[in-house]
Amino acid sequence: MNDNADNLFLNAKQVADYLDLNEKKVYAMANERQLPGTKITGKWLFPKALIDRWIIESCHSGMLSDRLIITGSDDPLMHWVVGRVGQRIGSAGMVNYSATDSRLGLTHLGQGYADVCCIHWGNEAERDLRHPALLKRHANYKQWVLVHVASRDYGLLMRNEHHHLGQAIDEALSLRYRWLSRQEGAGARYHFDNWLSERGLSGTDINLVGTAFSERELAAGIARGEADFGFGCQGVAGEFGLAFLPLGRESFDMVMPQGVFFRQHLQQLFNVMQHPDTLTHAQRLGGYDLTDSGKLLWSGA
């Protein structure tokens, strides 16, 4: 083990020696994405720092970890809650929420770069089909669990002076109005593309003026007058003082390895999610139902 102490990367044989495992077992665990590593020109390489972290994470099912990294879909209420969990923890640890999108977040989760991924994909009624299907695209999905955070309304975000156009969709889709879209892999983009498709349209048929890489970025662009319309959740419209036309309800959920569910910081997050102050703030933003927050929905095992 001392020979590997200064190595940044280990090969499969070195990992086998380091962990006192059979080399074939290392390959099997790597192929199942149980070990953090990458295959380069057909050979596995394992960052030693991530191997060490994997060992620590395996202890006590991760309950004693001092940090929690959350990625995936963007949500204003989640940002609010994470801020308050951080204040509770103080200098005893850290909770970080770095929003990307549902698909990229799951990739980061699978690679060990994050502990938790937030997702939303399709209407709430289709959640039990679509969310597990999304997870099963990843090699290590059998180690994951799906936990409900909130039900939330999604639809059209718009500048307040255009609120009347919510009832005149054809006019809103005319080329005189500017639209912001989300990137591929975002749940809001999935909603937007389906909504356009139902009208026999695609992004090339409307006046798209840019791509926003989070719901808050999209809402901020509309609030600054850089665009007129976009797709997102009601909560982000409420945060930025925008008009909103509800078009459906979705399930905003968290994906994580099984052991992470028992971490103290994550349990604190769900406690804060049910705090009266959070329920008041959710009502202020609009479009949230936190009734089943923290409920286990699905397990890959």
Protein backbone atom coordinates (compact mmCIF):
# COMPACT_ATOMS: atom_id res chain seq x y z
CA MET A 1 0.00 0.00 0.00
CA ASN A 2 2.86 2.44 0.71
CA ASP A 3 4.09 2.11 -2.88
CA ASN A 4 0.82 3.65 -4.02
CA ALA A 5 0.78 6.49 -1.50
CA ASP A 6 2.00 9.19 -3.90
CA ASN A 7 0.18 7.95 -7.02
CA LEU A 8 -2.58 10.14 -8.42
CA PHE A 9 -3.97 7.23 -10.43
CA LEU A 10 -3.92 3.49 -9.85
CA ASN A 11 -4.32 0.66 -12.33
CA ALA A 12 -6.52 -2.36 -11.62
CA LYS A 13 -3.67 -4.41 -10.14
CA GLN A 14 -2.66 -1.57 -7.82
CA VAL A 15 -6.27 -1.12 -6.70
CA ALA A 16 -6.52 -4.85 -6.05
CA ASP A 17 -3.39 -4.66 -3.88
CA TYR A 18 -4.58 -1.47 -2.19
CA LEU A 19 -7.98 -2.92 -1.27
CA ASP A 20 -6.76 -6.51 -0.80
CA LEU A 21 -9.14 -7.75 -3.49
CA ASN A 22 -8.88 -10.18 -6.37
CA GLU A 23 -8.02 -8.29 -9.58
CA LYS A 24 -11.02 -9.84 -11.37
CA LYS A 25 -13.26 -8.45 -8.62
CA VAL A 26 -11.84 -4.97 -9.24
CA TYR A 27 -12.69 -5.24 -12.95
CA ALA A 28 -16.19 -6.48 -12.12
CA MET A 29 -16.80 -3.61 -9.67
CA ALA A 30 -15.42 -1.09 -12.16
CA ASN A 31 -17.67 -2.34 -14.97
CA GLU A 32 -20.66 -2.12 -12.64
CA ARG A 33 -19.61 1.45 -11.69
CA GLN A 34 -19.22 0.51 -8.05
CA LEU A 35 -15.64 1.81 -8.04
CA PRO A 36 -14.80 5.35 -9.24
CA GLY A 37 -12.67 5.01 -12.37
CA THR A 38 -12.43 5.61 -16.08
CA LYS A 39 -11.37 3.51 -19.04
CA ILE A 40 -8.68 5.07 -21.27
CA THR A 41 -7.53 3.24 -24.44
CA GLY A 42 -9.09 0.08 -23.07
CA LYS A 43 -7.41 0.21 -19.65
CA TRP A 44 -8.99 1.16 -16.34
CA LEU A 45 -7.49 3.99 -14.29
CA PHE A 46 -8.71 4.86 -10.80
CA PRO A 47 -8.10 8.26 -9.11
CA LYS A 48 -6.61 7.35 -5.75
CA ALA A 49 -8.33 10.29 -4.03
CA LEU A 50 -11.73 8.98 -5.16
CA ILE A 51 -10.85 5.43 -4.11
CA ASP A 52 -10.01 6.78 -0.64
CA ARG A 53 -13.26 8.72 -0.58
CA TRP A 54 -15.18 5.61 -1.70
CA ILE A 55 -13.74 3.72 1.29
CA ILE A 56 -14.79 6.49 3.68
CA GLU A 57 -18.25 6.68 2.10
CA SER A 58 -18.64 2.93 2.61
CA CYS A 59 -18.13 3.33 6.36
CA HIS A 60 -21.36 3.60 8.36
CA SER A 61 -23.33 3.89 5.07
CA GLY A 62 -22.05 7.43 4.68
CA MET A 63 -23.82 8.65 7.82
CA LEU A 64 -20.74 10.35 9.19
CA SER A 65 -19.84 12.30 6.05
CA ASP A 66 -19.32 16.02 6.61
CA ARG A 67 -20.44 17.18 3.15
CA LEU A 68 -23.28 16.76 0.69
CA ILE A 69 -22.99 17.71 -2.98
CA ILE A 70 -26.30 18.09 -4.82
CA THR A 71 -26.56 18.49 -8.59
CA GLY A 72 -29.10 17.95 -11.36
CA SER A 73 -32.27 19.96 -11.94
CA ASP A 74 -32.70 23.52 -10.75
CA ASP A 75 -35.33 24.57 -8.21
CA PRO A 76 -35.68 27.84 -6.26
CA LEU A 77 -37.18 26.20 -3.17
CA MET A 78 -34.30 23.71 -3.03
CA HIS A 79 -31.80 26.59 -3.12
CA TRP A 80 -33.70 28.21 -0.25
CA VAL A 81 -33.71 25.01 1.82
CA VAL A 82 -30.02 24.25 1.16
CA GLY A 83 -29.12 27.73 2.41
CA ARG A 84 -30.90 27.09 5.68
CA VAL A 85 -29.40 23.63 6.12
CA GLY A 86 -26.00 25.24 5.63
CA GLN A 87 -26.74 27.71 8.41
CA ARG A 88 -27.77 24.88 10.73
CA ILE A 89 -24.60 22.92 10.01
CA GLY A 90 -22.32 25.91 10.31
CA SER A 91 -18.62 24.99 10.41
CA ALA A 92 -19.40 21.30 11.08
CA GLY A 93 -19.81 20.50 7.37
CA MET A 94 -21.00 21.75 4.00
CA VAL A 95 -24.00 21.32 1.71
CA ASN A 96 -23.57 22.49 -1.88
CA TYR A 97 -26.22 22.69 -4.64
CA SER A 98 -24.79 23.06 -8.13
CA ALA A 99 -27.65 22.75 -10.61
CA THR A 100 -26.99 21.38 -14.10
CA ASP A 101 -29.89 19.44 -15.63
CA SER A 102 -31.51 16.05 -15.05
CA ARG A 103 -29.43 14.02 -17.50
CA LEU A 104 -26.04 15.62 -16.85
CA GLY A 105 -26.71 15.44 -13.12
CA LEU A 106 -27.29 11.68 -13.33
CA THR A 107 -24.02 11.32 -15.25
CA HIS A 108 -22.19 13.23 -12.50
CA LEU A 109 -23.87 11.05 -9.89
CA GLY A 110 -22.80 7.90 -11.71
CA GLN A 111 -19.21 9.14 -11.93
CA GLY A 112 -19.07 9.89 -8.22
CA TYR A 113 -18.81 13.68 -8.60
CA ALA A 114 -22.03 14.28 -6.67
CA ASP A 115 -23.90 12.63 -3.81
CA VAL A 116 -27.45 13.53 -4.86
CA CYS A 117 -29.10 14.38 -8.19
CA CYS A 118 -32.41 16.24 -8.55
CA ILE A 119 -34.56 15.22 -11.53
CA HIS A 120 -37.93 15.95 -13.15
CA TRP A 121 -38.91 14.33 -16.43
CA GLY A 122 -42.44 14.46 -17.81
CA ASN A 123 -45.81 14.79 -16.13
CA GLU A 124 -46.30 13.66 -12.55
CA ALA A 125 -48.70 10.91 -13.64
CA GLU A 126 -45.85 9.34 -15.67
CA ARG A 127 -43.22 9.64 -12.92
CA ASP A 128 -43.20 6.00 -11.83
CA LEU A 129 -42.42 4.99 -15.42
CA ARG A 130 -40.19 7.79 -16.70
CA HIS A 131 -37.94 8.41 -13.71
CA PRO A 132 -36.82 4.77 -13.22
CA ALA A 133 -36.34 4.49 -17.00
CA LEU A 134 -34.03 7.50 -16.87
CA LEU A 135 -32.04 5.96 -14.01
CA LYS A 136 -31.69 2.58 -15.69
CA ARG A 137 -29.60 4.17 -18.45
CA HIS A 138 -26.74 4.24 -15.94
CA ALA A 139 -24.61 1.22 -15.08
CA ASN A 140 -24.81 1.64 -11.31
CA TYR A 141 -28.55 2.30 -11.02
CA LYS A 142 -28.97 -0.80 -8.83
CA GLN A 143 -27.22 1.08 -6.01
CA TRP A 144 -29.58 4.07 -6.28
CA VAL A 145 -32.85 5.06 -4.64
CA LEU A 146 -35.42 7.64 -5.76
CA VAL A 147 -36.90 9.95 -3.12
CA HIS A 148 -39.71 12.46 -3.60
CA VAL A 149 -39.07 16.13 -2.87
CA ALA A 150 -42.11 18.03 -4.14
CA SER A 151 -44.85 18.17 -6.69
CA ARG A 152 -44.67 21.42 -8.62
CA ASP A 153 -46.56 23.18 -11.42
CA TYR A 154 -44.76 23.85 -14.69
CA GLY A 155 -45.76 26.00 -17.62
CA LEU A 156 -45.11 29.27 -19.42
CA LEU A 157 -43.07 32.03 -17.83
CA MET A 158 -43.64 35.47 -19.33
CA ARG A 159 -43.18 39.14 -18.79
CA ASN A 160 -46.15 40.60 -16.94
CA GLU A 161 -47.24 42.81 -19.83
CA HIS A 162 -47.68 39.63 -21.93
CA HIS A 163 -49.92 37.83 -19.44
CA HIS A 164 -52.94 38.18 -21.71
CA LEU A 165 -51.08 36.21 -24.41
CA GLY A 166 -51.27 33.13 -22.22
CA GLN A 167 -54.78 32.82 -23.59
CA ALA A 168 -53.58 33.53 -27.15
CA ILE A 169 -50.84 30.96 -27.63
CA ASP A 170 -50.68 31.32 -31.42
CA GLU A 171 -49.92 35.00 -30.99
CA ALA A 172 -47.26 34.23 -28.37
CA LEU A 173 -45.60 31.81 -30.80
CA SER A 174 -45.42 34.38 -33.60
CA LEU A 175 -41.97 35.50 -34.62
CA ARG A 176 -42.36 38.93 -33.06
CA TYR A 177 -41.94 37.47 -29.56
CA ARG A 178 -38.64 36.21 -28.17
CA TRP A 179 -38.23 32.83 -26.46
CA LEU A 180 -35.52 31.43 -24.20
CA SER A 181 -35.01 27.67 -24.18
CA ARG A 182 -33.14 25.28 -21.89
CA GLN A 183 -30.33 22.95 -22.90
CA GLU A 184 -30.78 19.35 -24.02
CA GLY A 185 -31.10 17.08 -20.99
CA ALA A 186 -33.15 19.56 -18.92
CA GLY A 187 -36.62 18.53 -17.78
CA ALA A 188 -37.98 21.94 -18.76
CA ARG A 189 -36.58 21.44 -22.28
CA TYR A 190 -38.33 18.06 -22.45
CA HIS A 191 -41.64 19.76 -21.55
CA PHE A 192 -41.02 22.58 -24.03
CA ASP A 193 -40.17 20.28 -26.96
CA ASN A 194 -43.26 18.13 -26.30
CA TRP A 195 -45.46 21.21 -26.04
CA LEU A 196 -44.19 22.53 -29.38
CA SER A 197 -44.52 19.10 -30.98
CA GLU A 198 -48.19 18.90 -29.96
CA ARG A 199 -48.67 22.05 -32.05
CA GLY A 200 -46.75 20.68 -35.02
CA LEU A 201 -43.81 22.99 -34.28
CA SER A 202 -40.15 22.80 -33.35
CA GLY A 203 -37.60 25.29 -32.07
CA THR A 204 -36.84 26.41 -35.63
CA ASP A 205 -40.41 27.68 -36.05
CA ILE A 206 -40.25 30.26 -33.26
CA ASN A 207 -38.00 33.18 -32.38
CA LEU A 208 -35.46 31.51 -30.08
CA VAL A 209 -32.98 34.09 -28.81
CA GLY A 210 -30.81 31.96 -26.54
CA THR A 211 -30.31 29.00 -24.22
CA ALA A 212 -30.44 29.26 -20.43
CA PHE A 213 -28.55 26.67 -18.38
CA SER A 214 -30.84 26.78 -15.34
CA GLU A 215 -34.44 27.71 -14.62
CA ARG A 216 -33.27 30.71 -12.60
CA GLU A 217 -31.09 31.89 -15.48
CA LEU A 218 -34.06 31.60 -17.83
CA ALA A 219 -36.36 33.52 -15.48
CA ALA A 220 -33.71 36.19 -14.92
CA GLY A 221 -33.36 36.69 -18.68
CA ILE A 222 -37.09 37.25 -19.04
CA ALA A 223 -37.17 39.55 -16.01
CA ARG A 224 -34.36 41.67 -17.52
CA GLY A 225 -36.30 42.03 -20.76
CA GLU A 226 -33.95 39.88 -22.85
CA ALA A 227 -36.81 37.52 -23.79
CA ASP A 228 -40.59 37.39 -23.55
CA PHE A 229 -41.37 33.70 -22.89
CA GLY A 230 -39.84 30.48 -21.59
CA PHE A 231 -40.70 27.17 -19.91
CA GLY A 232 -40.16 26.53 -16.20
CA CYS A 233 -41.81 25.90 -12.85
CA GLN A 234 -44.19 28.29 -11.11
CA GLY A 235 -41.77 28.66 -8.19
CA VAL A 236 -39.13 30.33 -10.34
CA ALA A 237 -41.76 32.64 -11.85
CA GLY A 238 -42.76 33.64 -8.32
CA GLU A 239 -39.13 34.20 -7.34
CA PHE A 240 -38.58 36.65 -10.22
CA GLY A 241 -42.01 38.28 -10.20
CA LEU A 242 -43.04 36.92 -13.62
CA ALA A 243 -46.48 36.04 -14.94
CA PHE A 244 -47.14 32.31 -15.21
CA LEU A 245 -49.52 30.05 -17.14
CA PRO A 246 -49.73 26.53 -15.60
CA LEU A 247 -49.70 23.69 -18.13
CA GLY A 248 -49.19 20.65 -15.91
CA ARG A 249 -47.74 19.17 -12.74
CA GLU A 250 -44.44 17.33 -12.39
CA SER A 251 -42.63 15.37 -9.69
CA PHE A 252 -39.36 16.91 -8.52
CA ASP A 253 -37.33 14.05 -7.03
CA MET A 254 -33.87 13.16 -5.71
CA VAL A 255 -31.67 10.24 -6.77
CA MET A 256 -28.82 9.02 -4.57
CA PRO A 257 -26.84 5.91 -3.59
CA GLN A 258 -28.66 3.98 -0.88
CA GLY A 259 -26.18 4.88 1.87
CA VAL A 260 -26.42 8.61 1.19
CA PHE A 261 -30.10 8.55 2.15
CA PHE A 262 -29.08 8.02 5.78
CA ARG A 263 -26.58 10.87 5.92
CA GLN A 264 -27.20 13.35 8.67
CA HIS A 265 -27.06 16.34 6.32
CA LEU A 266 -29.62 14.85 3.94
CA GLN A 267 -31.96 14.00 6.79
CA GLN A 268 -31.60 17.58 8.01
CA LEU A 269 -32.54 18.77 4.52
CA PHE A 270 -35.79 16.80 4.61
CA ASN A 271 -36.48 18.08 8.13
CA VAL A 272 -36.06 21.66 6.90
CA MET A 273 -38.24 20.86 3.89
CA GLN A 274 -41.15 20.21 6.29
CA HIS A 275 -40.46 23.22 8.53
CA PRO A 276 -43.32 25.75 8.76
CA ASP A 277 -41.03 28.49 7.36
CA THR A 278 -40.36 26.35 4.29
CA LEU A 279 -44.06 25.66 3.77
CA THR A 280 -44.73 29.40 3.99
CA HIS A 281 -41.97 30.17 1.48
CA ALA A 282 -43.24 27.46 -0.88
CA GLN A 283 -46.69 29.04 -0.76
CA ARG A 284 -45.12 32.44 -1.44
CA LEU A 285 -43.34 31.14 -4.54
CA GLY A 286 -46.42 29.20 -5.68
CA GLY A 287 -47.09 25.86 -7.33
CA TYR A 288 -45.59 23.49 -4.71
CA ASP A 289 -47.05 20.53 -2.82
CA LEU A 290 -44.66 19.14 -0.16
CA THR A 291 -47.06 16.57 1.28
CA ASP A 292 -44.94 13.49 0.50
CA SER A 293 -41.51 15.10 0.72
CA GLY A 294 -38.92 12.53 1.82
CA LYS A 295 -40.99 9.52 0.69
CA LEU A 296 -39.02 6.66 -0.88
CA LEU A 297 -40.42 6.08 -4.38
CA TRP A 298 -38.17 3.46 -5.94
CA SER A 299 -35.07 1.38 -5.30
CA GLY A 300 -32.80 -0.15 -7.91
CA ALA A 301 -32.17 -3.05 -5.58
